[in-house]
């Protein structure tokens, strides 16, 4: 696991660390206090992944196509 702030992580970084957190919690060999910290970190990582996926979905939804179905550009998405 890293000390990188969750808000600065890419989707891939957050997903990788989230998988590590889940693995440690599933093993059950972590002290209670450490489990709580891991759970909190995991919740932040999960939210980061969800946010990044939502951004990607919005970008894909904004792609415009011409009459032949060829991507021609993007249209602005509100809130971006």
N, C-alpha and C. Protein backbone atom coordinates (compact mmCIF):
# COMPACT_ATOMS: atom_id res chain seq x y z
N UNK A 1 0.84 -1.18 0.00
CA UNK A 1 0.00 0.00 0.00
C UNK A 1 0.88 1.24 0.00
N UNK A 2 0.32 2.32 -0.50
CA UNK A 2 1.08 3.55 -0.63
C UNK A 2 0.55 4.61 0.34
N UNK A 3 1.30 5.67 0.44
CA UNK A 3 0.86 6.82 1.22
C UNK A 3 0.32 7.91 0.31
N UNK A 4 0.13 7.58 -0.96
CA UNK A 4 -0.38 8.54 -1.92
C UNK A 4 -1.80 8.93 -1.52
N UNK A 5 -2.08 10.24 -1.49
CA UNK A 5 -3.46 10.66 -1.20
C UNK A 5 -4.42 10.06 -2.24
N UNK A 6 -5.53 9.56 -1.78
CA UNK A 6 -6.50 8.91 -2.66
C UNK A 6 -6.95 9.85 -3.77
N UNK A 7 -7.12 11.12 -3.46
CA UNK A 7 -7.60 12.10 -4.45
C UNK A 7 -6.63 12.29 -5.60
N UNK A 8 -5.38 11.87 -5.43
CA UNK A 8 -4.37 12.02 -6.49
C UNK A 8 -4.17 10.73 -7.30
N UNK A 9 -4.88 9.68 -6.96
CA UNK A 9 -4.68 8.39 -7.61
C UNK A 9 -5.47 8.27 -8.90
N UNK A 10 -4.87 7.55 -9.84
CA UNK A 10 -5.60 7.18 -11.05
C UNK A 10 -6.56 6.05 -10.68
N UNK A 11 -7.45 5.72 -11.60
CA UNK A 11 -8.36 4.61 -11.37
C UNK A 11 -7.58 3.33 -11.10
N UNK A 12 -6.57 3.08 -11.92
CA UNK A 12 -5.80 1.85 -11.80
C UNK A 12 -5.06 1.75 -10.47
N UNK A 13 -4.50 2.86 -10.02
CA UNK A 13 -3.80 2.87 -8.73
C UNK A 13 -4.77 2.59 -7.59
N UNK A 14 -5.92 3.26 -7.62
CA UNK A 14 -6.91 3.08 -6.57
C UNK A 14 -7.45 1.66 -6.56
N UNK A 15 -7.70 1.10 -7.73
CA UNK A 15 -8.22 -0.26 -7.80
C UNK A 15 -7.21 -1.27 -7.27
N UNK A 16 -5.95 -1.08 -7.63
CA UNK A 16 -4.90 -1.99 -7.17
C UNK A 16 -4.78 -1.96 -5.66
N UNK A 17 -4.77 -0.77 -5.09
CA UNK A 17 -4.66 -0.68 -3.63
C UNK A 17 -5.92 -1.21 -2.96
N UNK A 18 -7.08 -0.97 -3.55
CA UNK A 18 -8.32 -1.49 -2.99
C UNK A 18 -8.29 -3.02 -2.94
N UNK A 19 -7.76 -3.64 -3.97
CA UNK A 19 -7.63 -5.10 -3.98
C UNK A 19 -6.72 -5.57 -2.85
N UNK A 20 -5.65 -4.84 -2.58
CA UNK A 20 -4.75 -5.19 -1.48
C UNK A 20 -5.45 -5.06 -0.14
N UNK A 21 -6.23 -4.00 0.03
CA UNK A 21 -6.96 -3.78 1.27
C UNK A 21 -7.94 -4.92 1.51
N UNK A 22 -8.71 -5.26 0.49
CA UNK A 22 -9.69 -6.33 0.61
C UNK A 22 -9.01 -7.65 0.96
N UNK A 23 -7.90 -7.92 0.32
CA UNK A 23 -7.16 -9.16 0.58
C UNK A 23 -6.72 -9.23 2.04
N UNK A 24 -6.19 -8.14 2.57
CA UNK A 24 -5.76 -8.12 3.96
C UNK A 24 -6.93 -8.31 4.91
N UNK A 25 -8.04 -7.65 4.63
CA UNK A 25 -9.21 -7.77 5.49
C UNK A 25 -9.80 -9.18 5.43
N UNK A 26 -9.79 -9.79 4.26
CA UNK A 26 -10.33 -11.14 4.12
C UNK A 26 -9.50 -12.18 4.87
N UNK A 27 -8.19 -11.97 4.93
CA UNK A 27 -7.32 -12.91 5.65
C UNK A 27 -7.66 -12.94 7.13
N UNK A 28 -8.07 -11.80 7.67
CA UNK A 28 -8.48 -11.75 9.06
C UNK A 28 -7.35 -11.78 10.07
N UNK A 29 -6.13 -11.58 9.64
CA UNK A 29 -5.00 -11.63 10.56
C UNK A 29 -4.47 -10.24 10.91
N UNK A 30 -5.33 -9.23 10.77
CA UNK A 30 -4.96 -7.85 11.04
C UNK A 30 -5.60 -7.44 12.36
N UNK A 31 -4.84 -6.72 13.19
CA UNK A 31 -5.37 -6.24 14.47
C UNK A 31 -6.60 -5.36 14.24
N UNK A 32 -7.46 -5.28 15.22
CA UNK A 32 -8.72 -4.55 15.10
C UNK A 32 -8.50 -3.10 14.68
N UNK A 33 -7.61 -2.39 15.35
CA UNK A 33 -7.36 -0.99 14.99
C UNK A 33 -6.87 -0.86 13.55
N UNK A 34 -5.99 -1.76 13.13
CA UNK A 34 -5.50 -1.73 11.76
C UNK A 34 -6.61 -2.08 10.77
N UNK A 35 -7.49 -2.98 11.18
CA UNK A 35 -8.63 -3.34 10.32
C UNK A 35 -9.53 -2.13 10.08
N UNK A 36 -9.73 -1.35 11.13
CA UNK A 36 -10.57 -0.16 11.00
C UNK A 36 -9.92 0.83 10.03
N UNK A 37 -8.61 1.04 10.17
CA UNK A 37 -7.90 1.95 9.27
C UNK A 37 -7.95 1.44 7.83
N UNK A 38 -7.77 0.14 7.67
CA UNK A 38 -7.84 -0.45 6.33
C UNK A 38 -9.23 -0.27 5.73
N UNK A 39 -10.26 -0.50 6.53
CA UNK A 39 -11.63 -0.35 6.05
C UNK A 39 -11.88 1.08 5.61
N UNK A 40 -11.43 2.06 6.42
CA UNK A 40 -11.62 3.46 6.06
C UNK A 40 -10.89 3.80 4.76
N UNK A 41 -9.65 3.32 4.63
CA UNK A 41 -8.89 3.56 3.40
C UNK A 41 -9.61 2.90 2.22
N UNK A 42 -10.09 1.69 2.43
CA UNK A 42 -10.81 0.98 1.37
C UNK A 42 -12.06 1.73 0.92
N UNK A 43 -12.77 2.33 1.87
CA UNK A 43 -13.97 3.10 1.52
C UNK A 43 -13.60 4.31 0.66
N UNK A 44 -12.49 4.98 1.00
CA UNK A 44 -12.03 6.11 0.19
C UNK A 44 -11.63 5.66 -1.21
N UNK A 45 -10.92 4.53 -1.27
CA UNK A 45 -10.47 4.00 -2.56
C UNK A 45 -11.66 3.61 -3.43
N UNK A 46 -12.66 2.99 -2.83
CA UNK A 46 -13.87 2.58 -3.56
C UNK A 46 -14.55 3.81 -4.16
N UNK A 47 -14.68 4.86 -3.36
CA UNK A 47 -15.32 6.08 -3.86
C UNK A 47 -14.52 6.69 -5.00
N UNK A 48 -13.20 6.68 -4.89
CA UNK A 48 -12.34 7.21 -5.96
C UNK A 48 -12.58 6.44 -7.26
N UNK A 49 -12.63 5.10 -7.15
CA UNK A 49 -12.87 4.28 -8.34
C UNK A 49 -14.23 4.59 -8.95
N UNK A 50 -15.25 4.71 -8.11
CA UNK A 50 -16.59 5.03 -8.61
C UNK A 50 -16.60 6.39 -9.31
N UNK A 51 -15.93 7.37 -8.71
CA UNK A 51 -15.90 8.72 -9.31
C UNK A 51 -15.20 8.70 -10.66
N UNK A 52 -14.06 8.00 -10.73
CA UNK A 52 -13.31 7.94 -11.99
C UNK A 52 -14.12 7.20 -13.07
N UNK A 53 -14.82 6.15 -12.69
CA UNK A 53 -15.67 5.43 -13.66
C UNK A 53 -16.80 6.32 -14.16
N UNK A 54 -17.39 7.10 -13.25
CA UNK A 54 -18.47 8.01 -13.66
C UNK A 54 -17.94 9.05 -14.65
N UNK A 55 -16.74 9.58 -14.38
CA UNK A 55 -16.13 10.54 -15.31
C UNK A 55 -15.96 9.91 -16.69
N UNK A 56 -15.46 8.69 -16.72
CA UNK A 56 -15.24 8.00 -18.00
C UNK A 56 -16.56 7.77 -18.73
N UNK A 57 -17.59 7.36 -18.00
CA UNK A 57 -18.90 7.12 -18.61
C UNK A 57 -19.45 8.41 -19.21
N UNK A 58 -19.28 9.52 -18.51
CA UNK A 58 -19.77 10.80 -19.01
C UNK A 58 -19.04 11.22 -20.28
N UNK A 59 -17.73 10.96 -20.31
CA UNK A 59 -16.96 11.29 -21.51
C UNK A 59 -17.40 10.45 -22.70
N UNK A 60 -17.63 9.16 -22.46
CA UNK A 60 -18.08 8.27 -23.54
C UNK A 60 -19.47 8.69 -24.01
N UNK A 61 -20.33 9.04 -23.08
CA UNK A 61 -21.69 9.45 -23.45
C UNK A 61 -21.70 10.74 -24.24
N UNK A 62 -20.65 11.55 -24.12
CA UNK A 62 -20.60 12.84 -24.80
C UNK A 62 -20.02 12.75 -26.20
N UNK A 63 -19.54 11.59 -26.60
CA UNK A 63 -18.98 11.45 -27.95
C UNK A 63 -20.10 11.58 -28.97
N UNK A 64 -19.87 12.42 -29.98
CA UNK A 64 -20.88 12.60 -31.02
C UNK A 64 -20.46 11.80 -32.26
N UNK A 65 -21.44 11.32 -32.98
CA UNK A 65 -21.21 10.53 -34.19
C UNK A 65 -21.79 11.24 -35.40
N UNK A 66 -21.14 11.03 -36.55
CA UNK A 66 -21.70 11.58 -37.78
C UNK A 66 -22.70 10.58 -38.35
N UNK A 67 -23.24 10.86 -39.53
CA UNK A 67 -24.27 10.00 -40.14
C UNK A 67 -23.78 8.58 -40.38
N UNK A 68 -22.49 8.38 -40.57
CA UNK A 68 -21.94 7.05 -40.81
C UNK A 68 -21.55 6.34 -39.50
N UNK A 69 -21.76 7.01 -38.36
CA UNK A 69 -21.42 6.42 -37.08
C UNK A 69 -19.97 6.62 -36.67
N UNK A 70 -19.27 7.50 -37.36
CA UNK A 70 -17.87 7.78 -37.03
C UNK A 70 -17.82 8.86 -35.96
N UNK A 71 -17.02 8.65 -34.90
CA UNK A 71 -16.90 9.69 -33.88
C UNK A 71 -16.36 10.98 -34.49
N UNK A 72 -17.03 12.10 -34.21
CA UNK A 72 -16.61 13.39 -34.77
C UNK A 72 -16.13 14.34 -33.71
N UNK A 73 -16.29 14.04 -32.48
CA UNK A 73 -15.87 14.94 -31.41
C UNK A 73 -16.71 14.68 -30.18
N UNK A 74 -16.61 15.59 -29.28
CA UNK A 74 -17.37 15.44 -28.05
C UNK A 74 -18.21 16.69 -27.84
N UNK A 75 -19.27 16.51 -27.09
CA UNK A 75 -20.09 17.64 -26.69
C UNK A 75 -19.82 17.86 -25.21
N UNK A 76 -19.87 19.10 -24.75
CA UNK A 76 -19.61 19.38 -23.33
C UNK A 76 -20.62 18.66 -22.44
N UNK A 77 -20.13 18.14 -21.34
CA UNK A 77 -21.00 17.50 -20.35
C UNK A 77 -21.07 18.44 -19.17
N UNK A 78 -22.30 18.75 -18.73
CA UNK A 78 -22.46 19.67 -17.60
C UNK A 78 -21.77 19.10 -16.38
N UNK A 79 -21.15 19.97 -15.59
CA UNK A 79 -20.50 19.55 -14.36
C UNK A 79 -19.08 19.12 -14.52
N UNK A 80 -18.54 19.12 -15.74
CA UNK A 80 -17.16 18.70 -15.92
C UNK A 80 -16.26 19.90 -15.91
